Amino acid sequence: MDKFFYNIAFTKARSSLAFFVNYNGAVMIERFNSLINWGVSLIWGNGDWLIAGNPWYGLIVFLLVGGGIYFTIATRFAQFRYFGHLWKLLRVSGQGGRSGGISSYEALMTSLAARVGTGNLAGVAIAIYLGGAGAVFWMWVTAILGMATSFIESALAQAYKVPHTDNVFRGGPAYYIQAGLGQRWLAIIFSVCLLIAFGLAFNGVQANTIAQASLQAFNIPPWATGVFLVILVAPVVFGGMRSVAKVAGKIVPIMAILYILLALFIILTNITQFPAAIATIFKSAFGLEQAAGGVLGYTVATAMINGIKRGLFSNEAGMGSAPNAAATAQSYPNHPAVQGFMQMLGVFIDTIVICTATAAIVILSGVVDPNSEQTGIQLTQLALSQYVGQFGVVFVAVAIFFFSFTSIIANYSYGESNIEFLSGQKNAKSAMMGLRIALLVMVFVGSIADLKAVWNFADLTMGIMAVINLIAIVWLSPVALRVLKDYERQIKAGVALKDISFDPNLFPKLKNEADRTAWKD
């Protein structure tokens, strides 16, 4: 009898405990998600707040736009003054470099591999769906200002880069925050956020987009896409940074050119509608079409927030991700400003060229319907199918596969650099193995599951990264501006490109903080 009552009591207690744990677990998850949503709104803003009369555009909007304006003025509009010079540097970017190292061209292709992905095909469609055609204008603004921002952060990454035993340099925000600001704790926070966002979460986003595009175009089940991606990604990431750079250098330019040619074909065949599409972008950006409806402020804010957010997700200027690629290069000419210019060009190609191509395809098609659930990559595929039928769906699936695949491997290279920063070169091997395995798991899981909470958390960590990096590069901007002046001095003196050089000993701040061995020929 005692045993009978004991069993009843035990069963009741276990049920109560399970209920308590499940209830409190659910409450904790809900609170955690609420906290993440609050953080995302604080950093990125939320147009819905304008309905209540509280115009909060987000901390990142002020930092990105404000920082971009400051850097544009401080560099004396370098993105315009040196626009022609960017292409001259691109032509010689494959030259130079130490044996077994990464060239300036390969570093650019690695950063473009990370930039050109879902943000260009799916992200632009989402921005237009949520913010209207005006979001495209704010993407352009973000890119133009971001070109100056990208110069500053990439020049700093080169100035503070450190040599590595594999002949590939390491560097990026974590390195210049620690060396230039002397704040290792802040550098650690940045590295951890980058590992969460780029090392893991965003790779799941890319894999999910590939899986959805493949399902719609070829009816391939997501799990099969996930397995195929893991098999394809594994040998590249296990090959390290050089392997990533080599693959990116071959795939990215081919796919970018093909996509641009298709967009040009669509624009030319619809040339009579093109001026109206451009006019729609500008009218929508400033709410000229909605002013009569009394929702001007809300509409402009929504377009601005979505345009800036998707623009940053695509071109990554100021986020602190691309400098990790910029730092790896043995630039030609051997000067930090060169990678600043090269990454400036990367922002232009990513947003002004490729994102605009997607925007033209989507807007000209007339398929955007705010009341429809068609958005993201499905919207881009639907838009293309209006011009070239089923081929459009297939082409987007193939394009997103290659763009997103190269984004995954480039994101890994960013993670590798920061894993080494956190653990040190001597202890990095086991940490690197853990990152590679975790990345492959995330690629598969991202293919079969829509992990909205994970994506939201990635938005938060990406925002924290950008805030830390933007504050750091503003603080260290005098160094980057001195680097620019040193480069300009040699150009004005008529020094040939191949003879331009950099000596950190000539810079009082870099003399004691930078690794001078990185600049030995």
Protein backbone atom coordinates (compact mmCIF):
# COMPACT_ATOMS: atom_id res chain seq x y z
CA MET A 1 0.00 0.00 0.00
CA ASP A 2 2.81 2.38 0.94
CA LYS A 3 4.48 1.58 -2.34
CA PHE A 4 1.19 2.30 -4.16
CA PHE A 5 0.82 5.78 -2.57
CA TYR A 6 4.53 6.40 -3.07
CA ASN A 7 4.18 5.70 -6.80
CA ILE A 8 1.17 8.03 -7.04
CA ALA A 9 3.00 10.77 -5.16
CA PHE A 10 6.12 10.31 -7.27
CA THR A 11 4.10 10.41 -10.51
CA LYS A 12 2.28 13.59 -9.40
CA ALA A 13 5.52 15.22 -8.34
CA ARG A 14 7.20 14.33 -11.63
CA SER A 15 4.22 15.69 -13.61
CA SER A 16 4.23 18.91 -11.58
CA LEU A 17 7.98 19.30 -12.06
CA ALA A 18 7.66 18.67 -15.80
CA PHE A 19 4.86 21.25 -16.03
CA PHE A 20 6.92 23.75 -14.02
CA VAL A 21 10.00 23.21 -16.18
CA ASN A 22 8.04 23.33 -19.43
CA TYR A 23 6.08 26.40 -18.34
CA ASN A 24 9.11 28.28 -17.09
CA GLY A 25 11.13 27.14 -20.11
CA ALA A 26 8.46 28.53 -22.42
CA VAL A 27 8.34 31.77 -20.44
CA MET A 28 12.12 32.07 -20.53
CA ILE A 29 12.21 31.47 -24.29
CA GLU A 30 9.45 34.04 -24.79
CA ARG A 31 11.30 36.59 -22.66
CA PHE A 32 14.56 35.84 -24.46
CA ASN A 33 12.88 36.36 -27.84
CA SER A 34 11.31 39.59 -26.56
CA LEU A 35 14.72 40.80 -25.41
CA ILE A 36 16.22 39.99 -28.82
CA ASN A 37 13.35 41.78 -30.59
CA TRP A 38 13.87 44.81 -28.35
CA GLY A 39 17.59 44.80 -29.12
CA VAL A 40 16.97 44.49 -32.86
CA SER A 41 14.47 47.38 -32.74
CA LEU A 42 16.89 49.51 -30.71
CA ILE A 43 19.74 48.96 -33.15
CA TRP A 44 17.87 48.66 -36.45
CA GLY A 45 14.75 50.70 -35.73
CA ASN A 46 11.14 49.88 -36.42
CA GLY A 47 8.93 51.91 -38.73
CA ASP A 48 5.83 50.76 -36.82
CA TRP A 49 6.86 52.95 -33.87
CA LEU A 50 6.04 56.00 -35.98
CA ILE A 51 2.34 55.18 -35.74
CA ALA A 52 2.52 56.04 -32.05
CA GLY A 53 4.39 59.26 -32.83
CA ASN A 54 7.80 57.95 -31.74
CA PRO A 55 10.11 58.31 -34.76
CA TRP A 56 12.96 55.93 -33.91
CA TYR A 57 14.99 54.99 -36.98
CA GLY A 58 17.47 52.84 -35.11
CA LEU A 59 20.94 53.44 -33.72
CA ILE A 60 22.59 51.84 -36.74
CA VAL A 61 20.91 54.28 -39.14
CA PHE A 62 22.43 57.27 -37.37
CA LEU A 63 25.85 55.64 -37.09
CA LEU A 64 25.92 54.39 -40.69
CA VAL A 65 24.65 57.56 -42.30
CA GLY A 66 26.49 59.87 -39.90
CA GLY A 67 29.71 57.88 -40.17
CA GLY A 68 29.42 57.66 -43.95
CA ILE A 69 28.94 61.43 -44.24
CA TYR A 70 31.90 62.07 -41.91
CA PHE A 71 34.22 59.69 -43.79
CA THR A 72 33.10 61.09 -47.16
CA ILE A 73 33.98 64.63 -46.05
CA ALA A 74 37.17 63.57 -44.22
CA THR A 75 38.48 61.72 -47.30
CA ARG A 76 37.42 64.68 -49.46
CA PHE A 77 34.92 62.56 -51.38
CA ALA A 78 37.48 59.87 -52.19
CA GLN A 79 34.80 57.57 -53.66
CA PHE A 80 34.26 60.17 -56.41
CA ARG A 81 37.82 61.52 -56.76
CA TYR A 82 39.37 58.08 -57.14
CA PHE A 83 36.56 56.29 -58.95
CA GLY A 84 38.61 55.93 -62.14
CA HIS A 85 41.68 54.92 -60.13
CA LEU A 86 39.73 52.01 -58.61
CA TRP A 87 39.52 50.29 -61.99
CA LYS A 88 43.21 50.94 -62.65
CA LEU A 89 44.05 49.16 -59.39
CA LEU A 90 41.69 46.31 -60.30
CA ARG A 91 43.62 45.71 -63.54
CA VAL A 92 46.90 45.15 -61.64
CA SER A 93 45.37 43.56 -58.53
CA GLY A 94 46.44 40.03 -59.46
CA GLN A 95 50.11 40.98 -59.38
CA GLY A 96 52.51 40.95 -56.45
CA GLY A 97 51.98 38.99 -53.28
CA ARG A 98 54.22 36.61 -51.43
CA SER A 99 54.53 32.97 -52.46
CA GLY A 100 51.45 31.02 -51.39
CA GLY A 101 49.75 34.19 -50.19
CA ILE A 102 46.53 35.94 -51.21
CA SER A 103 46.62 38.65 -53.87
CA SER A 104 44.73 41.93 -53.74
CA TYR A 105 42.33 40.56 -56.39
CA GLU A 106 41.65 37.37 -54.41
CA ALA A 107 40.96 39.38 -51.25
CA LEU A 108 38.44 41.49 -53.20
CA MET A 109 36.78 38.37 -54.63
CA THR A 110 36.59 36.83 -51.13
CA SER A 111 34.83 39.91 -49.77
CA LEU A 112 32.57 40.02 -52.85
CA ALA A 113 31.80 36.33 -52.32
CA ALA A 114 30.51 37.21 -48.84
CA ARG A 115 28.71 40.33 -50.05
CA VAL A 116 27.04 38.92 -53.16
CA GLY A 117 24.51 36.41 -51.90
CA THR A 118 20.97 36.38 -50.60
CA GLY A 119 21.16 40.13 -49.94
CA ASN A 120 21.44 40.84 -53.65
CA LEU A 121 18.70 38.53 -54.92
CA ALA A 122 16.39 37.84 -51.99
CA GLY A 123 17.26 40.86 -49.81
CA VAL A 124 16.49 43.45 -52.48
CA ALA A 125 13.12 41.81 -53.16
CA ILE A 126 12.36 41.82 -49.41
CA ALA A 127 13.34 45.50 -49.15
CA ILE A 128 11.00 46.43 -52.02
CA TYR A 129 8.20 44.22 -50.64
CA LEU A 130 8.42 45.78 -47.15
CA GLY A 131 9.57 49.31 -47.92
CA GLY A 132 8.39 49.91 -51.46
CA ALA A 133 10.53 50.90 -54.43
CA GLY A 134 11.94 53.78 -52.35
CA ALA A 135 14.00 51.29 -50.35
CA VAL A 136 16.25 50.96 -53.42
CA PHE A 137 17.16 54.66 -53.21
CA TRP A 138 18.23 54.27 -49.58
CA MET A 139 20.27 51.23 -50.56
CA TRP A 140 22.09 53.46 -53.04
CA VAL A 141 22.69 56.13 -50.40
CA THR A 142 24.00 53.49 -47.99
CA ALA A 143 26.35 52.20 -50.69
CA ILE A 144 27.71 55.60 -51.77
CA LEU A 145 28.39 56.65 -48.19
CA GLY A 146 29.51 53.11 -47.41
CA MET A 147 32.24 53.31 -50.05
CA ALA A 148 34.07 55.88 -47.90
CA THR A 149 33.37 53.85 -44.76
CA SER A 150 34.71 50.72 -46.44
CA PHE A 151 37.92 52.54 -47.38
CA ILE A 152 38.56 53.55 -43.77
CA GLU A 153 37.92 50.12 -42.22
CA SER A 154 39.83 48.21 -44.90
CA ALA A 155 42.84 50.55 -44.82
CA LEU A 156 42.94 50.10 -41.03
CA ALA A 157 42.73 46.32 -41.43
CA GLN A 158 45.76 46.42 -43.72
CA ALA A 159 47.69 48.83 -41.50
CA TYR A 160 47.22 46.61 -38.43
CA LYS A 161 47.46 43.19 -40.14
CA VAL A 162 49.75 40.52 -38.71
CA PRO A 163 51.79 37.86 -40.56
CA HIS A 164 50.93 34.18 -40.23
CA THR A 165 52.96 31.02 -40.66
CA ASP A 166 50.92 30.01 -43.75
CA ASN A 167 51.96 33.21 -45.60
CA VAL A 168 48.39 34.53 -45.36
CA PHE A 169 47.97 37.64 -43.24
CA ARG A 170 45.35 37.94 -40.51
CA GLY A 171 43.57 41.10 -39.43
CA GLY A 172 40.29 42.94 -39.18
CA PRO A 173 38.36 44.93 -36.57
CA ALA A 174 39.32 42.68 -33.65
CA TYR A 175 42.98 43.26 -34.45
CA TYR A 176 42.81 47.04 -34.91
CA ILE A 177 40.53 47.46 -31.89
CA GLN A 178 43.07 45.64 -29.73
CA ALA A 179 46.21 47.20 -31.24
CA GLY A 180 44.88 50.68 -32.03
CA LEU A 181 42.50 51.25 -29.12
CA GLY A 182 44.09 48.88 -26.60
CA GLN A 183 40.67 47.44 -25.74
CA ARG A 184 40.93 43.65 -25.98
CA TRP A 185 37.62 43.12 -24.16
CA LEU A 186 35.82 45.07 -26.90
CA ALA A 187 37.70 43.16 -29.58
CA ILE A 188 36.58 39.88 -27.97
CA ILE A 189 32.92 40.99 -28.00
CA PHE A 190 33.27 41.87 -31.68
CA SER A 191 34.87 38.51 -32.52
CA VAL A 192 32.20 36.53 -30.67
CA CYS A 193 29.41 38.46 -32.45
CA LEU A 194 31.09 37.85 -35.81
CA LEU A 195 31.42 34.13 -35.11
CA ILE A 196 27.71 33.91 -34.22
CA ALA A 197 26.53 35.95 -37.21
CA PHE A 198 28.97 35.09 -40.00
CA GLY A 199 30.55 31.91 -38.74
CA LEU A 200 27.19 30.24 -38.10
CA ALA A 201 23.81 31.99 -38.45
CA PHE A 202 24.21 33.71 -41.83
CA ASN A 203 25.45 30.48 -43.35
CA GLY A 204 22.15 28.93 -42.30
CA VAL A 205 20.36 31.84 -44.01
CA GLN A 206 22.31 31.27 -47.22
CA ALA A 207 21.64 27.50 -47.12
CA ASN A 208 17.93 28.07 -46.49
CA THR A 209 17.70 30.38 -49.50
CA ILE A 210 19.44 27.81 -51.72
CA ALA A 211 17.08 25.09 -50.48
CA GLN A 212 13.96 27.19 -51.13
CA ALA A 213 15.13 28.21 -54.60
CA SER A 214 16.02 24.60 -55.50
CA LEU A 215 12.66 23.36 -54.22
CA GLN A 216 10.75 25.85 -56.36
CA ALA A 217 12.89 25.41 -59.49
CA PHE A 218 13.69 21.69 -59.44
CA ASN A 219 11.42 20.26 -56.71
CA ILE A 220 14.51 19.04 -54.83
CA PRO A 221 13.70 18.29 -51.17
CA PRO A 222 15.52 20.64 -48.75
CA TRP A 223 17.26 17.77 -46.93
CA ALA A 224 18.88 16.65 -50.21
CA THR A 225 20.05 20.19 -50.89
CA GLY A 226 21.46 20.32 -47.36
CA VAL A 227 23.45 17.11 -47.80
CA PHE A 228 24.78 18.24 -51.19
CA LEU A 229 25.84 21.61 -49.75
CA VAL A 230 27.68 19.99 -46.84
CA ILE A 231 29.56 17.71 -49.27
CA LEU A 232 30.47 20.72 -51.43
CA VAL A 233 31.42 23.14 -48.62
CA ALA A 234 33.47 20.73 -46.48
CA PRO A 235 36.58 20.34 -48.66
CA VAL A 236 36.80 24.10 -49.25
CA VAL A 237 36.60 25.15 -45.59
CA PHE A 238 38.96 22.38 -44.53
CA GLY A 239 41.39 23.77 -47.12
CA GLY A 240 41.59 27.07 -45.23
CA MET A 241 41.76 30.68 -46.39
CA ARG A 242 43.82 30.06 -49.53
CA SER A 243 41.27 27.50 -50.72
CA VAL A 244 38.42 29.96 -50.11
CA ALA A 245 40.23 32.73 -52.01
CA LYS A 246 40.99 30.51 -55.01
CA VAL A 247 37.39 29.23 -55.33
CA ALA A 248 35.90 32.72 -54.87
CA GLY A 249 38.26 34.19 -57.45
CA LYS A 250 36.94 31.80 -60.10
CA ILE A 251 33.19 31.61 -59.36
CA VAL A 252 32.24 35.16 -58.30
CA PRO A 253 33.20 37.12 -61.46
CA ILE A 254 31.58 34.59 -63.82
CA MET A 255 28.24 34.51 -61.99
CA ALA A 256 28.19 38.28 -61.45
CA ILE A 257 28.77 38.97 -65.16
CA LEU A 258 26.08 36.47 -66.24
CA TYR A 259 23.55 37.96 -63.82
CA ILE A 260 24.31 41.52 -64.93
CA LEU A 261 23.99 40.54 -68.61
CA LEU A 262 20.56 38.99 -67.95
CA ALA A 263 19.42 42.14 -66.12
CA LEU A 264 20.69 44.34 -68.99
CA PHE A 265 18.76 42.18 -71.47
CA ILE A 266 15.56 42.68 -69.44
CA ILE A 267 16.13 46.43 -69.10
CA LEU A 268 16.82 46.86 -72.84
CA THR A 269 13.74 44.85 -73.83
CA ASN A 270 11.65 47.03 -71.49
CA ILE A 271 13.52 50.29 -72.08
CA THR A 272 10.33 52.34 -72.51
CA GLN A 273 9.23 51.42 -68.98
CA PHE A 274 12.65 51.94 -67.40
CA PRO A 275 12.41 55.76 -66.85
CA ALA A 276 9.08 55.28 -65.05
CA ALA A 277 10.63 52.61 -62.81
CA ILE A 278 13.47 54.98 -61.85
CA ALA A 279 10.94 57.75 -61.15
CA THR A 280 8.98 55.38 -58.90
CA ILE A 281 12.11 54.71 -56.84
CA PHE A 282 12.69 58.42 -56.16
CA LYS A 283 9.03 59.25 -55.55
CA SER A 284 8.63 56.35 -53.15
CA ALA A 285 11.88 57.19 -51.33
CA PHE A 286 10.55 60.60 -50.29
CA GLY A 287 6.91 59.59 -49.93
CA LEU A 288 5.73 61.78 -52.81
CA GLU A 289 3.20 59.14 -53.88
CA GLN A 290 1.91 58.62 -50.34
CA ALA A 291 1.88 62.21 -49.04
CA ALA A 292 -1.76 62.70 -49.98
CA GLY A 293 -2.70 59.72 -47.84
CA GLY A 294 -1.30 61.24 -44.66
CA VAL A 295 1.24 58.45 -44.06
CA LEU A 296 4.31 60.31 -45.34
CA GLY A 297 6.52 59.89 -42.24
CA TYR A 298 5.72 56.23 -41.80
CA THR A 299 6.28 55.44 -45.48
CA VAL A 300 9.62 57.26 -45.69
CA ALA A 301 10.80 55.62 -42.45
CA THR A 302 9.82 52.17 -43.66
CA ALA A 303 11.60 52.67 -46.99
CA MET A 304 14.67 54.09 -45.26
CA ILE A 305 14.95 51.37 -42.60
CA ASN A 306 14.46 48.52 -45.06
CA GLY A 307 16.79 50.06 -47.63
CA ILE A 308 19.59 50.73 -45.14
CA LYS A 309 19.19 47.40 -43.36
CA ARG A 310 19.16 45.35 -46.56
CA GLY A 311 21.88 47.55 -48.04
CA LEU A 312 24.16 46.87 -45.09
CA PHE A 313 23.34 43.17 -45.14
CA SER A 314 24.33 43.13 -48.80
CA ASN A 315 27.41 45.39 -49.06
CA GLU A 316 28.52 45.04 -45.41
CA ALA A 317 30.18 48.49 -45.41
CA GLY A 318 30.92 49.52 -41.84
CA MET A 319 29.82 46.18 -40.43
CA GLY A 320 33.39 45.05 -39.85
CA SER A 321 33.19 41.85 -41.90
CA ALA A 322 34.95 42.76 -45.17
CA PRO A 323 38.08 44.08 -43.36
CA ASN A 324 38.78 40.47 -42.36
CA ALA A 325 39.23 39.70 -46.07
CA ALA A 326 41.03 42.97 -46.80
CA ALA A 327 43.66 42.20 -44.17
CA THR A 328 44.64 38.88 -45.78
CA ALA A 329 46.06 40.44 -48.94
CA GLN A 330 49.61 41.18 -49.95
CA SER A 331 48.43 44.24 -51.85
CA TYR A 332 49.88 45.46 -55.11
CA PRO A 333 51.03 48.19 -54.82
CA ASN A 334 52.16 47.28 -51.30
CA HIS A 335 50.26 49.98 -49.41
CA PRO A 336 47.25 49.84 -46.99
CA ALA A 337 45.30 52.35 -49.07
CA VAL A 338 45.16 49.90 -51.97
CA GLN A 339 42.85 47.46 -50.18
CA GLY A 340 40.84 50.46 -48.99
CA PHE A 341 40.23 51.35 -52.63
CA MET A 342 39.64 47.74 -53.68
CA GLN A 343 36.99 47.20 -51.00
CA MET A 344 35.43 50.53 -51.94
CA LEU A 345 35.02 49.07 -55.42
CA GLY A 346 33.49 45.96 -53.88
CA VAL A 347 30.69 48.02 -52.31
CA PHE A 348 30.00 49.69 -55.66
CA ILE A 349 29.84 46.39 -57.56
CA ASP A 350 27.67 44.75 -54.92
CA THR A 351 25.01 47.40 -54.43
CA ILE A 352 25.10 49.95 -57.23
CA VAL A 353 25.52 47.26 -59.90
CA ILE A 354 24.16 43.87 -58.76
CA CYS A 355 21.47 45.03 -56.30
CA THR A 356 20.25 47.58 -58.83
CA ALA A 357 20.02 44.80 -61.42
CA THR A 358 17.71 42.85 -59.11
CA ALA A 359 15.69 45.97 -58.30
CA ALA A 360 15.16 46.68 -61.99
CA ILE A 361 14.01 43.11 -62.62
CA VAL A 362 11.54 43.17 -59.71
CA ILE A 363 10.13 46.68 -60.25
CA LEU A 364 9.77 46.37 -64.04
CA SER A 365 7.92 43.06 -63.64
CA GLY A 366 5.10 44.67 -61.64
CA VAL A 367 4.63 41.52 -59.56
CA VAL A 368 5.18 43.11 -56.13
CA ASP A 369 1.98 42.76 -54.09
CA PRO A 370 2.03 43.84 -50.41
CA ASN A 371 -0.98 41.60 -49.78
CA SER A 372 0.75 38.53 -51.18
CA GLU A 373 3.02 36.19 -49.26
CA GLN A 374 5.42 36.07 -52.23
CA THR A 375 8.64 37.73 -51.07
CA GLY A 376 12.36 37.09 -50.92
CA ILE A 377 13.87 34.72 -53.46
CA GLN A 378 10.42 33.52 -54.60
CA LEU A 379 9.56 37.11 -55.57
CA THR A 380 12.77 37.47 -57.58
CA GLN A 381 12.07 34.17 -59.35
CA LEU A 382 8.48 35.23 -60.07
CA ALA A 383 9.70 38.56 -61.47
CA LEU A 384 12.22 36.90 -63.78
CA SER A 385 9.65 34.36 -64.97
CA GLN A 386 7.59 37.26 -66.34
CA TYR A 387 10.32 37.85 -68.93
CA VAL A 388 11.93 34.50 -69.65
CA GLY A 389 9.38 32.00 -68.33
CA GLN A 390 10.52 28.95 -66.38
CA PHE A 391 14.12 29.71 -67.37
CA GLY A 392 13.99 32.67 -64.97
CA VAL A 393 13.10 30.43 -62.05
CA VAL A 394 15.89 28.01 -62.97
CA PHE A 395 18.43 30.79 -63.56
CA VAL A 396 17.77 32.40 -60.17
CA ALA A 397 18.08 29.02 -58.48
CA VAL A 398 21.45 28.43 -60.15
CA ALA A 399 22.63 31.99 -59.46
CA ILE A 400 21.58 31.90 -55.82
CA PHE A 401 23.28 28.53 -55.45
CA PHE A 402 26.66 29.83 -56.60
CA PHE A 403 26.34 33.24 -54.92
CA SER A 404 25.24 31.73 -51.61
CA PHE A 405 27.77 28.90 -51.79
CA THR A 406 30.62 31.39 -52.16
CA SER A 407 29.09 33.49 -49.36
CA ILE A 408 29.18 30.48 -47.04
CA ILE A 409 32.85 29.75 -47.67
CA ALA A 410 33.81 33.45 -47.46
CA ASN A 411 31.91 33.81 -44.18
CA TYR A 412 33.90 30.86 -42.90
CA SER A 413 37.17 32.67 -43.69
CA TYR A 414 35.98 35.60 -41.54
CA GLY A 415 35.26 33.16 -38.73
CA GLU A 416 38.68 31.54 -39.10
CA SER A 417 40.46 34.87 -38.68
CA ASN A 418 38.52 35.65 -35.51
CA ILE A 419 38.90 32.15 -34.06
CA GLU A 420 42.64 32.65 -34.35
CA PHE A 421 42.36 36.05 -32.69
CA LEU A 422 40.49 34.57 -29.73
CA SER A 423 42.62 31.46 -29.29
CA GLY A 424 45.99 32.53 -30.68
CA GLN A 425 47.89 30.82 -33.50
CA LYS A 426 49.26 28.05 -31.28
CA ASN A 427 45.86 26.96 -29.91
CA ALA A 428 43.75 27.64 -33.00
CA LYS A 429 43.80 24.14 -34.53
CA SER A 430 41.16 22.51 -32.29
CA ALA A 431 39.03 25.67 -32.21
CA MET A 432 39.15 25.77 -36.01
CA MET A 433 37.98 22.18 -36.22
CA GLY A 434 35.04 23.02 -33.96
CA LEU A 435 34.11 25.99 -36.15
CA ARG A 436 34.23 23.89 -39.33
CA ILE A 437 32.00 21.17 -37.88
CA ALA A 438 29.54 23.71 -36.42
CA LEU A 439 29.37 25.50 -39.78
CA LEU A 440 28.56 22.27 -41.65
CA VAL A 441 25.85 21.44 -39.10
CA MET A 442 24.36 24.93 -39.48
CA VAL A 443 24.40 24.61 -43.28
CA PHE A 444 22.38 21.39 -43.10
CA VAL A 445 19.99 22.60 -40.38
CA GLY A 446 19.49 25.90 -42.21
CA SER A 447 18.54 23.99 -45.37
CA ILE A 448 15.68 22.09 -43.71
CA ALA A 449 14.42 24.56 -41.10
CA ASP A 450 13.31 28.19 -41.09
CA LEU A 451 15.00 29.24 -37.85
CA LYS A 452 13.44 32.69 -37.50
CA ALA A 453 14.67 33.12 -33.92
CA VAL A 454 18.22 32.35 -35.06
CA TRP A 455 17.97 34.83 -37.93
CA ASN A 456 16.67 37.48 -35.53
CA PHE A 457 19.54 36.79 -33.15
CA ALA A 458 21.94 37.11 -36.10
CA ASP A 459 20.42 40.52 -36.88
CA LEU A 460 21.16 41.54 -33.29
CA THR A 461 24.77 40.31 -33.31
CA MET A 462 25.33 41.88 -36.74
CA GLY A 463 24.04 45.17 -35.34
CA ILE A 464 26.32 44.94 -32.29
CA MET A 465 29.26 44.21 -34.63
CA ALA A 466 28.46 47.26 -36.74
CA VAL A 467 28.06 49.56 -33.72
CA ILE A 468 31.40 48.46 -32.23
CA ASN A 469 33.20 48.70 -35.57
CA LEU A 470 31.76 52.08 -36.55
CA ILE A 471 32.75 53.61 -33.21
CA ALA A 472 36.23 52.07 -33.50
CA ILE A 473 36.90 53.29 -37.04
CA VAL A 474 35.71 56.81 -36.20
CA TRP A 475 38.18 56.80 -33.30
CA LEU A 476 40.99 55.41 -35.47
CA SER A 477 40.09 57.39 -38.61
CA PRO A 478 43.08 59.78 -38.22
CA VAL A 479 45.34 56.77 -38.90
CA ALA A 480 43.42 55.80 -42.06
CA LEU A 481 43.38 59.41 -43.24
CA ARG A 482 47.16 59.64 -42.77
CA VAL A 483 47.48 56.43 -44.80
CA LEU A 484 45.39 58.01 -47.57
CA LYS A 485 47.52 61.17 -47.55
CA ASP A 486 50.70 59.09 -47.75
CA TYR A 487 49.33 57.29 -50.81
CA GLU A 488 48.19 60.56 -52.39
CA ARG A 489 51.62 62.11 -51.76
CA GLN A 490 53.32 59.35 -53.73
CA ILE A 491 50.76 59.50 -56.55
CA LYS A 492 51.18 63.28 -56.87
CA ALA A 493 54.97 62.88 -56.84
CA GLY A 494 54.66 60.68 -59.93
CA VAL A 495 55.75 57.45 -58.23
CA ALA A 496 54.91 54.46 -60.43
CA LEU A 497 52.30 52.07 -59.03
CA LYS A 498 54.81 49.25 -58.69
CA ASP A 499 57.11 51.50 -56.62
CA ILE A 500 54.52 52.81 -54.16
CA SER A 501 55.45 51.61 -50.67
CA PHE A 502 54.44 51.91 -47.05
CA ASP A 503 56.66 52.40 -44.00
CA PRO A 504 54.80 52.25 -40.65
CA ASN A 505 57.82 53.87 -38.98
CA LEU A 506 56.79 57.16 -40.59
CA PHE A 507 53.51 57.09 -38.65
CA PRO A 508 53.88 57.95 -34.93
CA LYS A 509 50.85 55.88 -33.90
CA LEU A 510 51.52 52.87 -36.14
CA LYS A 511 55.22 52.84 -35.24
CA ASN A 512 54.42 51.39 -31.82
CA GLU A 513 51.12 49.62 -32.52
CA ALA A 514 51.35 47.96 -35.95
CA ASP A 515 53.28 44.79 -36.73
CA ARG A 516 56.10 46.22 -38.85
CA THR A 517 57.18 42.77 -40.06
CA ALA A 518 53.97 42.64 -42.13
CA TRP A 519 55.41 45.32 -44.41
CA LYS A 520 58.76 43.76 -45.18
CA ASP A 521 59.04 42.84 -48.87
